[in-house]
Amino acid sequence: MGMVTIITVIFILGYAAIILEHPLKINKAASALITGVLCWSVFALFADDKQLPGHIAGDYLGEVAGILFFLLGAMTIVELIDAHDGFEVITSRIRTTSKKKLVWIIGFISFFLSAVLDNLTTTIVIVSMLRIIIPEKKDRLLFTGLVIIAANAGGAWSPIGDVTTTMLWIGGQITAGSIILQAILPSLVCFLLPAFIISRQVRGNAERSEDAEKKPDFTNTSRDRNIVFWIGVGSLLFVPVFKTITHLPPYMGVLLGLGVMWVVTEMIHSGKDEAERGELSVNHALRKIDTPSILFFLGILLSIAALQATGVLAVLAESMNNSIGNIKAITLLTGLLSAVVDNVPLVAAAQGMYGLEQYPTGHFFWEFLAYCAGTGGSCLIIGSAAGVAAMGLEKIEFFWYMKKIGWLALLGYLAGAATFLLQHYIAG
């Protein structure tokens, strides 16, 4: 049995364990970590040069760590804003309790916020807000599904809205102007269709929890709350600006923002004693963030890196090329495949498979790929960073999501893709 076969089998078994997290009662982070390390171990045992796999793993770790530190920073900043009740700045402005209206308000906020922050940060922010607006768990899960679809759709038309779009932007396959022009309408269709169906499913009003609105909180003045909210959101918005000026990776910008927030919160609370300061400190926020989710990302990205390093992904790409041939169909399938396999390595594989001499900058293929890889992941809960974050925050089950939200995401995805192709034919 060859190395590639063994690694593929390990990956499929590990993936099954991740999907069946609830029946097996084993945290998906554990399954992902074991899968990742086993894939690399097989690679190392089969390699002729025993030093080589370690060096290759080190190269991949740079990329993986960049994503993880970005998550760590963004999650901590969001936790800090939450600890200071900063999201009240937004939730207090959402006056309506009608669930139908809330579908559109929450949907549009997620869609546009995602283009500015990114789909992952937006999901973390909005899901934290939903706890105040919709305390009822059953309803809140439906709204969380909507947020995942809207945030992924919103991220797909902006160069900084999704990791994969950013990768294509950095790689020179797309320009910021062209992706916004080409993808905004299809992305909007991709979000509006599921939102319309969800708005027909919900009825009645959401009862806000009184205690969520009026915490007997002597530590947060509205001044502190506003300072932390605006500096937090500002530091997240600053990330793309920082990246454009310095050409450093996005995690640098997030870590700078976290450092600034740390200094500011220490200064705000310097006069308070330990007990009062406790929950409002960065130390507390760091303890509260969802570390298992970050380890899950580490495991899954390492597994994919092993598939990439051993050439499994390239073989898959080659066989798709030979069996399907049509580039539009391949791109559509890549989007659906990104619901099963993370969209980051899929786009990385596409960047490796098709050179810029074959498809130059701004070519229809790259822009369609950005749309498909960005939005196709919504079809399964584990198909996008936004989905994984929401899964961790709200303990959403894989099969519940598939039954209630997955088909809506698929409808939106196909409608948006049809819009993209139609737009392309009309234009030229």
Protein backbone atom coordinates (compact mmCIF):
# COMPACT_ATOMS: atom_id res chain seq x y z
CA MET A 1 0.00 0.00 0.00
CA GLY A 2 1.53 3.31 -1.09
CA MET A 3 2.13 6.40 1.03
CA VAL A 4 -0.52 8.45 -0.81
CA THR A 5 -3.18 5.76 -0.24
CA ILE A 6 -2.42 5.50 3.49
CA ILE A 7 -2.48 9.30 3.95
CA THR A 8 -5.77 9.55 2.02
CA VAL A 9 -7.35 6.79 4.17
CA ILE A 10 -6.16 8.48 7.41
CA PHE A 11 -7.57 11.80 6.21
CA ILE A 12 -10.97 10.30 5.30
CA LEU A 13 -11.23 8.46 8.66
CA GLY A 14 -10.18 11.60 10.55
CA TYR A 15 -12.70 13.64 8.61
CA ALA A 16 -15.44 11.15 9.43
CA ALA A 17 -14.54 11.46 13.14
CA ILE A 18 -14.83 15.28 12.87
CA ILE A 19 -18.26 15.06 11.21
CA LEU A 20 -19.48 12.48 13.76
CA GLU A 21 -18.22 14.52 16.72
CA HIS A 22 -21.56 14.35 18.60
CA PRO A 23 -22.38 10.63 18.24
CA LEU A 24 -18.76 9.70 19.04
CA LYS A 25 -18.61 12.24 21.91
CA ILE A 26 -15.02 13.10 20.93
CA ASN A 27 -14.12 16.77 20.42
CA LYS A 28 -13.38 17.52 16.77
CA ALA A 29 -10.16 19.30 17.75
CA ALA A 30 -8.76 16.00 19.07
CA SER A 31 -9.67 14.16 15.85
CA ALA A 32 -8.19 16.95 13.71
CA LEU A 33 -4.90 17.07 15.65
CA ILE A 34 -4.43 13.28 15.49
CA THR A 35 -5.28 13.26 11.76
CA GLY A 36 -2.82 16.07 11.03
CA VAL A 37 0.08 14.49 12.92
CA LEU A 38 -0.58 10.98 11.53
CA CYS A 39 -0.62 12.27 7.92
CA TRP A 40 2.77 13.94 8.43
CA SER A 41 4.13 10.88 10.27
CA VAL A 42 3.31 8.60 7.32
CA PHE A 43 4.98 11.13 4.98
CA ALA A 44 8.07 11.17 7.23
CA LEU A 45 8.29 7.37 7.51
CA PHE A 46 8.06 6.87 3.73
CA ALA A 47 10.46 9.71 2.81
CA ASP A 48 13.94 8.80 1.56
CA ASP A 49 15.45 11.96 3.03
CA LYS A 50 14.37 11.88 6.69
CA GLN A 51 15.06 15.62 7.19
CA LEU A 52 12.86 16.73 4.28
CA PRO A 53 9.32 16.30 5.76
CA GLY A 54 10.33 18.31 8.83
CA HIS A 55 11.56 21.18 6.64
CA ILE A 56 8.42 21.10 4.48
CA ALA A 57 6.21 21.04 7.59
CA GLY A 58 8.10 24.09 8.87
CA ASP A 59 7.34 25.97 5.66
CA TYR A 60 3.63 25.15 5.88
CA LEU A 61 3.53 26.02 9.58
CA GLY A 62 4.36 29.63 8.68
CA GLU A 63 1.15 29.94 6.66
CA VAL A 64 -0.92 27.98 9.19
CA ALA A 65 0.40 30.00 12.15
CA GLY A 66 -0.47 33.22 10.32
CA ILE A 67 -4.13 32.16 10.15
CA LEU A 68 -4.12 30.92 13.77
CA PHE A 69 -2.60 34.10 15.22
CA PHE A 70 -5.04 36.15 13.19
CA LEU A 71 -7.89 34.14 14.78
CA LEU A 72 -6.38 34.41 18.24
CA GLY A 73 -6.07 38.19 17.97
CA ALA A 74 -9.50 38.76 16.40
CA MET A 75 -11.28 36.49 18.91
CA THR A 76 -9.59 38.21 21.87
CA ILE A 77 -10.51 41.68 20.59
CA VAL A 78 -14.15 40.57 20.14
CA GLU A 79 -14.18 39.01 23.65
CA LEU A 80 -12.86 42.28 25.10
CA ILE A 81 -15.55 44.31 23.36
CA ASP A 82 -18.14 41.82 24.63
CA ALA A 83 -16.83 41.97 28.22
CA HIS A 84 -17.32 45.74 28.13
CA ASP A 85 -20.83 45.32 26.62
CA GLY A 86 -19.51 47.15 23.57
CA PHE A 87 -21.97 45.49 21.21
CA GLU A 88 -24.74 47.44 22.89
CA VAL A 89 -23.60 50.29 20.63
CA ILE A 90 -25.15 48.23 17.79
CA THR A 91 -27.82 46.21 19.65
CA SER A 92 -29.31 49.30 21.31
CA ARG A 93 -29.92 50.72 17.82
CA ILE A 94 -31.78 47.60 16.70
CA ARG A 95 -35.16 48.54 18.14
CA THR A 96 -37.43 46.06 16.36
CA THR A 97 -38.36 42.72 17.94
CA SER A 98 -40.15 41.40 14.82
CA LYS A 99 -38.25 38.28 13.75
CA LYS A 100 -39.07 38.91 10.07
CA LYS A 101 -37.47 42.37 10.21
CA LEU A 102 -34.57 41.03 12.25
CA VAL A 103 -33.76 38.52 9.48
CA TRP A 104 -33.12 41.42 7.08
CA ILE A 105 -31.36 43.68 9.59
CA ILE A 106 -29.00 40.96 10.87
CA GLY A 107 -28.49 39.65 7.32
CA PHE A 108 -27.51 43.00 5.81
CA ILE A 109 -25.29 43.94 8.77
CA SER A 110 -23.47 40.59 8.39
CA PHE A 111 -23.18 40.95 4.61
CA PHE A 112 -21.61 44.42 4.61
CA LEU A 113 -19.62 44.10 7.83
CA SER A 114 -18.03 40.94 6.44
CA ALA A 115 -16.70 42.80 3.41
CA VAL A 116 -14.99 45.30 5.71
CA LEU A 117 -13.80 43.10 8.59
CA ASP A 118 -13.84 39.55 7.15
CA ASN A 119 -16.33 36.70 7.32
CA LEU A 120 -14.79 35.06 10.39
CA THR A 121 -14.55 38.17 12.60
CA THR A 122 -18.05 39.25 11.50
CA THR A 123 -19.53 35.88 12.48
CA ILE A 124 -17.89 36.04 15.92
CA VAL A 125 -19.16 39.62 16.43
CA ILE A 126 -22.75 39.04 15.22
CA VAL A 127 -23.22 35.69 17.00
CA SER A 128 -22.10 37.39 20.24
CA MET A 129 -24.72 40.09 19.57
CA LEU A 130 -27.49 37.60 18.80
CA ARG A 131 -27.33 36.30 22.37
CA ILE A 132 -28.64 39.65 23.58
CA ILE A 133 -31.22 40.15 20.82
CA ILE A 134 -32.54 36.57 20.57
CA PRO A 135 -32.18 34.63 23.84
CA GLU A 136 -34.36 31.77 22.53
CA LYS A 137 -31.84 29.09 21.45
CA LYS A 138 -33.97 27.44 18.71
CA ASP A 139 -34.55 30.75 16.90
CA ARG A 140 -31.02 31.91 17.49
CA LEU A 141 -29.57 28.87 15.71
CA LEU A 142 -31.61 29.67 12.58
CA PHE A 143 -30.30 33.25 12.69
CA THR A 144 -26.75 31.94 13.21
CA GLY A 145 -27.16 29.90 10.01
CA LEU A 146 -28.26 33.05 8.21
CA VAL A 147 -25.21 34.91 9.55
CA ILE A 148 -22.87 32.19 8.18
CA ILE A 149 -24.45 32.45 4.69
CA ALA A 150 -24.49 36.27 4.73
CA ALA A 151 -20.94 36.64 6.08
CA ASN A 152 -19.50 34.20 3.53
CA ALA A 153 -21.38 35.91 0.70
CA GLY A 154 -20.25 39.34 1.93
CA GLY A 155 -16.64 38.18 2.18
CA ALA A 156 -16.51 36.84 -1.37
CA TRP A 157 -16.75 40.20 -3.19
CA SER A 158 -14.18 42.06 -1.10
CA PRO A 159 -10.38 41.58 -1.33
CA ILE A 160 -10.18 41.45 2.48
CA GLY A 161 -13.49 39.71 3.21
CA ASP A 162 -12.31 36.11 2.99
CA VAL A 163 -8.96 34.36 3.40
CA THR A 164 -9.22 32.89 -0.12
CA THR A 165 -10.08 36.21 -1.80
CA THR A 166 -7.14 37.76 0.07
CA MET A 167 -4.90 34.91 -1.18
CA LEU A 168 -5.95 35.57 -4.80
CA TRP A 169 -5.46 39.31 -4.24
CA ILE A 170 -1.97 38.86 -2.76
CA GLY A 171 -1.11 36.31 -5.47
CA GLY A 172 -1.95 38.85 -8.20
CA GLN A 173 -4.78 36.78 -9.71
CA ILE A 174 -7.42 39.45 -9.03
CA THR A 175 -7.43 43.20 -8.42
CA ALA A 176 -9.48 44.87 -5.67
CA GLY A 177 -11.56 46.90 -8.14
CA SER A 178 -12.44 44.06 -10.49
CA ILE A 179 -13.48 41.60 -7.77
CA ILE A 180 -15.85 44.15 -6.23
CA LEU A 181 -17.45 44.95 -9.61
CA GLN A 182 -17.73 41.34 -10.79
CA ALA A 183 -18.76 39.59 -7.59
CA ILE A 184 -20.96 41.97 -5.58
CA LEU A 185 -24.20 41.19 -7.47
CA PRO A 186 -23.81 37.36 -7.45
CA SER A 187 -22.85 37.52 -3.74
CA LEU A 188 -25.93 39.60 -2.99
CA VAL A 189 -28.16 37.05 -4.78
CA CYS A 190 -26.40 34.25 -2.87
CA PHE A 191 -27.44 35.87 0.44
CA LEU A 192 -30.87 37.29 -0.49
CA LEU A 193 -32.47 34.02 -1.62
CA PRO A 194 -31.81 32.08 1.65
CA ALA A 195 -32.67 35.22 3.70
CA PHE A 196 -36.03 35.46 1.91
CA ILE A 197 -36.83 31.78 2.67
CA ILE A 198 -35.75 32.14 6.33
CA SER A 199 -37.87 35.28 6.68
CA ARG A 200 -40.88 33.19 5.61
CA GLN A 201 -40.06 30.54 8.26
CA VAL A 202 -39.87 32.81 11.31
CA ARG A 203 -42.90 34.18 13.09
CA GLY A 204 -43.70 36.43 16.00
CA ASN A 205 -41.40 38.60 18.07
CA ALA A 206 -38.10 37.98 19.80
CA GLU A 207 -38.25 38.59 23.55
CA ARG A 208 -35.03 40.25 24.60
CA SER A 209 -33.78 39.03 27.93
CA GLU A 210 -34.16 41.78 30.51
CA ASP A 211 -31.01 40.75 32.35
CA ALA A 212 -29.01 40.96 29.11
CA GLU A 213 -30.18 44.53 28.63
CA LYS A 214 -29.79 45.74 32.16
CA LYS A 215 -26.80 44.12 33.76
CA PRO A 216 -26.31 45.57 37.23
CA ASP A 217 -22.85 46.56 36.11
CA PHE A 218 -20.95 49.08 38.15
CA THR A 219 -17.70 48.64 36.22
CA ASN A 220 -18.71 49.76 32.72
CA THR A 221 -19.48 53.40 32.16
CA SER A 222 -20.83 54.24 28.72
CA ARG A 223 -17.56 56.11 28.07
CA ASP A 224 -15.48 52.95 28.69
CA ARG A 225 -17.89 50.91 26.60
CA ASN A 226 -17.67 53.29 23.64
CA ILE A 227 -13.88 53.62 23.85
CA VAL A 228 -13.39 49.84 23.85
CA PHE A 229 -15.95 49.28 21.08
CA TRP A 230 -14.55 51.90 18.69
CA ILE A 231 -10.90 51.04 19.33
CA GLY A 232 -11.72 47.33 18.92
CA VAL A 233 -13.63 47.77 15.66
CA GLY A 234 -11.10 50.38 14.53
CA SER A 235 -8.18 48.02 15.09
CA LEU A 236 -9.93 45.30 13.05
CA LEU A 237 -10.69 47.79 10.26
CA PHE A 238 -7.08 48.93 10.36
CA VAL A 239 -5.78 45.44 9.44
CA PRO A 240 -6.23 45.77 5.63
CA VAL A 241 -4.85 49.31 5.73
CA PHE A 242 -1.80 48.09 7.67
CA LYS A 243 -1.35 45.25 5.18
CA THR A 244 -1.55 47.62 2.21
CA ILE A 245 1.01 50.04 3.70
CA THR A 246 3.55 47.53 5.04
CA HIS A 247 2.85 44.43 2.88
CA LEU A 248 3.10 42.41 6.10
CA PRO A 249 0.64 39.52 6.63
CA PRO A 250 -2.76 40.33 8.22
CA TYR A 251 -1.95 38.67 11.56
CA MET A 252 0.65 41.40 12.22
CA GLY A 253 -2.08 44.05 12.00
CA VAL A 254 -4.38 42.10 14.32
CA LEU A 255 -1.62 41.59 16.89
CA LEU A 256 -0.83 45.31 16.78
CA GLY A 257 -4.53 46.03 17.38
CA LEU A 258 -4.60 43.58 20.29
CA GLY A 259 -1.52 45.21 21.81
CA VAL A 260 -3.11 48.67 21.58
CA MET A 261 -6.38 47.35 23.11
CA TRP A 262 -4.38 45.76 25.92
CA VAL A 263 -2.68 49.07 26.77
CA VAL A 264 -5.95 51.03 26.54
CA THR A 265 -7.96 48.64 28.76
CA GLU A 266 -5.15 48.52 31.35
CA MET A 267 -5.17 52.34 31.45
CA ILE A 268 -8.99 52.57 31.67
CA HIS A 269 -9.14 50.17 34.62
CA SER A 270 -5.92 51.17 36.36
CA GLY A 271 -7.80 52.72 39.29
CA LYS A 272 -9.90 49.61 40.02
CA ASP A 273 -9.03 46.77 42.33
CA GLU A 274 -8.30 43.23 41.12
CA ALA A 275 -11.86 41.92 41.62
CA GLU A 276 -13.44 44.73 39.59
CA ARG A 277 -10.79 44.58 36.89
CA GLY A 278 -10.84 40.77 36.57
CA GLU A 279 -13.45 40.15 33.88
CA LEU A 280 -12.54 43.25 31.89
CA SER A 281 -8.87 42.40 31.41
CA VAL A 282 -7.15 40.90 28.37
CA ASN A 283 -5.98 38.03 30.63
CA HIS A 284 -9.61 37.09 31.23
CA ALA A 285 -10.52 37.49 27.53
CA LEU A 286 -7.63 35.18 26.58
CA ARG A 287 -8.98 32.54 28.95
CA LYS A 288 -12.49 32.86 27.49
CA ILE A 289 -11.68 32.54 23.78
CA ASP A 290 -12.45 29.27 22.09
CA THR A 291 -9.00 27.61 22.14
CA PRO A 292 -10.33 24.18 20.99
CA SER A 293 -11.53 25.83 17.75
CA ILE A 294 -8.05 27.24 17.17
CA LEU A 295 -6.52 23.79 17.74
CA PHE A 296 -9.12 22.33 15.38
CA PHE A 297 -7.96 24.76 12.69
CA LEU A 298 -4.37 23.77 13.38
CA GLY A 299 -5.17 20.08 12.96
CA ILE A 300 -7.26 20.48 9.81
CA LEU A 301 -4.79 22.86 8.13
CA LEU A 302 -1.87 20.54 8.94
CA SER A 303 -3.79 17.59 7.46
CA ILE A 304 -4.49 19.55 4.28
CA ALA A 305 -0.86 20.70 4.13
CA ALA A 306 0.18 17.03 4.21
CA LEU A 307 -2.20 16.29 1.31
CA GLN A 308 -0.67 19.20 -0.55
CA ALA A 309 2.96 18.30 0.24
CA THR A 310 2.53 14.68 -0.86
CA GLY A 311 0.84 15.69 -4.11
CA VAL A 312 -2.62 14.28 -3.33
CA LEU A 313 -4.33 17.61 -4.10
CA ALA A 314 -2.39 18.04 -7.35
CA VAL A 315 -3.47 14.53 -8.48
CA LEU A 316 -7.08 15.39 -7.60
CA ALA A 317 -6.84 18.63 -9.59
CA GLU A 318 -5.28 16.85 -12.56
CA SER A 319 -7.98 14.15 -12.59
CA MET A 320 -10.69 16.84 -12.41
CA ASN A 321 -9.08 18.54 -15.40
CA ASN A 322 -9.01 15.33 -17.42
CA SER A 323 -12.45 14.03 -16.50
CA ILE A 324 -14.44 17.29 -16.58
CA GLY A 325 -12.40 19.62 -18.74
CA ASN A 326 -14.86 22.54 -18.65
CA ILE A 327 -13.29 25.26 -16.50
CA LYS A 328 -16.68 26.69 -15.40
CA ALA A 329 -17.85 23.27 -14.21
CA ILE A 330 -14.52 22.69 -12.43
CA THR A 331 -14.85 26.05 -10.64
CA LEU A 332 -18.45 25.30 -9.61
CA LEU A 333 -17.37 21.89 -8.28
CA THR A 334 -14.40 23.44 -6.47
CA GLY A 335 -16.86 25.67 -4.62
CA LEU A 336 -18.97 22.68 -3.56
CA LEU A 337 -15.84 20.74 -2.67
CA SER A 338 -14.79 23.66 -0.43
CA ALA A 339 -17.75 22.74 1.81
CA VAL A 340 -16.03 19.43 2.51
CA VAL A 341 -12.38 20.40 2.28
CA ASP A 342 -11.34 23.82 3.57
CA ASN A 343 -11.43 26.46 0.79
CA VAL A 344 -7.93 27.76 1.62
CA PRO A 345 -5.99 24.72 0.32
CA LEU A 346 -8.37 24.33 -2.63
CA VAL A 347 -7.65 27.86 -3.80
CA ALA A 348 -3.95 27.33 -3.07
CA ALA A 349 -4.10 24.17 -5.22
CA ALA A 350 -5.84 26.09 -8.03
CA GLN A 351 -3.18 28.80 -7.83
CA GLY A 352 -0.56 26.05 -8.16
CA MET A 353 -2.39 24.27 -11.03
CA TYR A 354 -3.18 27.22 -13.27
CA GLY A 355 -0.50 29.80 -13.97
CA LEU A 356 -1.00 33.49 -14.70
CA GLU A 357 0.20 32.87 -18.27
CA GLN A 358 -2.80 30.54 -18.73
CA TYR A 359 -5.30 32.80 -16.94
CA PRO A 360 -3.95 36.36 -16.54
CA THR A 361 -4.82 38.79 -13.72
CA GLY A 362 -8.51 39.62 -13.59
CA HIS A 363 -9.47 36.68 -15.81
CA PHE A 364 -13.07 35.47 -15.43
CA PHE A 365 -11.81 32.15 -13.98
CA TRP A 366 -10.10 33.76 -10.96
CA GLU A 367 -13.07 35.97 -10.14
CA PHE A 368 -15.53 33.09 -10.48
CA LEU A 369 -13.20 31.00 -8.28
CA ALA A 370 -13.18 33.75 -5.63
CA TYR A 371 -17.01 33.74 -5.60
CA CYS A 372 -17.34 29.93 -5.59
CA ALA A 373 -14.68 29.22 -2.98
CA GLY A 374 -15.99 32.02 -0.78
CA THR A 375 -19.66 31.04 -0.80
CA GLY A 376 -19.67 27.27 -1.50
CA GLY A 377 -18.36 26.58 2.00
CA SER A 378 -21.68 27.66 3.54
CA CYS A 379 -23.30 24.38 2.39
CA LEU A 380 -21.77 22.48 5.33
CA ILE A 381 -21.08 23.86 8.81
CA ILE A 382 -17.41 22.80 8.62
CA GLY A 383 -16.99 24.22 5.11
CA SER A 384 -15.95 27.73 6.13
CA ALA A 385 -14.09 29.55 8.88
CA ALA A 386 -17.33 31.38 9.70
CA GLY A 387 -19.17 28.07 10.08
CA VAL A 388 -16.49 26.54 12.29
CA ALA A 389 -16.46 29.65 14.52
CA ALA A 390 -20.27 29.61 14.84
CA MET A 391 -20.16 25.87 15.53
CA GLY A 392 -17.78 26.49 18.41
CA LEU A 393 -19.70 29.48 19.80
CA GLU A 394 -23.20 28.00 19.61
CA LYS A 395 -22.44 24.23 19.74
CA ILE A 396 -24.27 23.65 16.42
CA GLU A 397 -24.54 20.02 15.32
CA PHE A 398 -23.32 18.98 11.88
CA PHE A 399 -26.54 17.22 10.82
CA TRP A 400 -28.85 19.90 12.22
CA TYR A 401 -27.09 22.45 10.04
CA MET A 402 -27.25 20.18 7.01
CA LYS A 403 -31.00 19.70 7.41
CA LYS A 404 -32.00 23.28 8.25
CA ILE A 405 -29.43 25.56 6.60
CA GLY A 406 -27.31 23.54 4.14
CA TRP A 407 -29.96 23.30 1.39
CA LEU A 408 -30.66 27.05 1.67
CA ALA A 409 -26.95 27.79 1.28
CA LEU A 410 -26.81 25.49 -1.76
CA LEU A 411 -29.78 27.27 -3.38
CA GLY A 412 -28.15 30.65 -2.80
CA TYR A 413 -24.79 29.39 -4.08
CA LEU A 414 -26.27 28.09 -7.35
CA ALA A 415 -28.43 31.20 -7.88
CA GLY A 416 -25.39 33.44 -7.34
CA ALA A 417 -23.28 31.32 -9.71
CA ALA A 418 -26.02 31.55 -12.37
CA THR A 419 -26.04 35.35 -11.87
CA PHE A 420 -22.24 35.42 -12.28
CA LEU A 421 -22.37 33.45 -15.55
CA LEU A 422 -25.28 35.50 -16.89
CA GLN A 423 -23.44 38.72 -16.07
CA HIS A 424 -20.36 37.36 -17.85
CA TYR A 425 -22.33 36.51 -21.01
CA ILE A 426 -24.07 39.88 -21.10
CA ALA A 427 -20.77 41.72 -20.63
CA GLY A 428 -18.92 39.92 -23.31
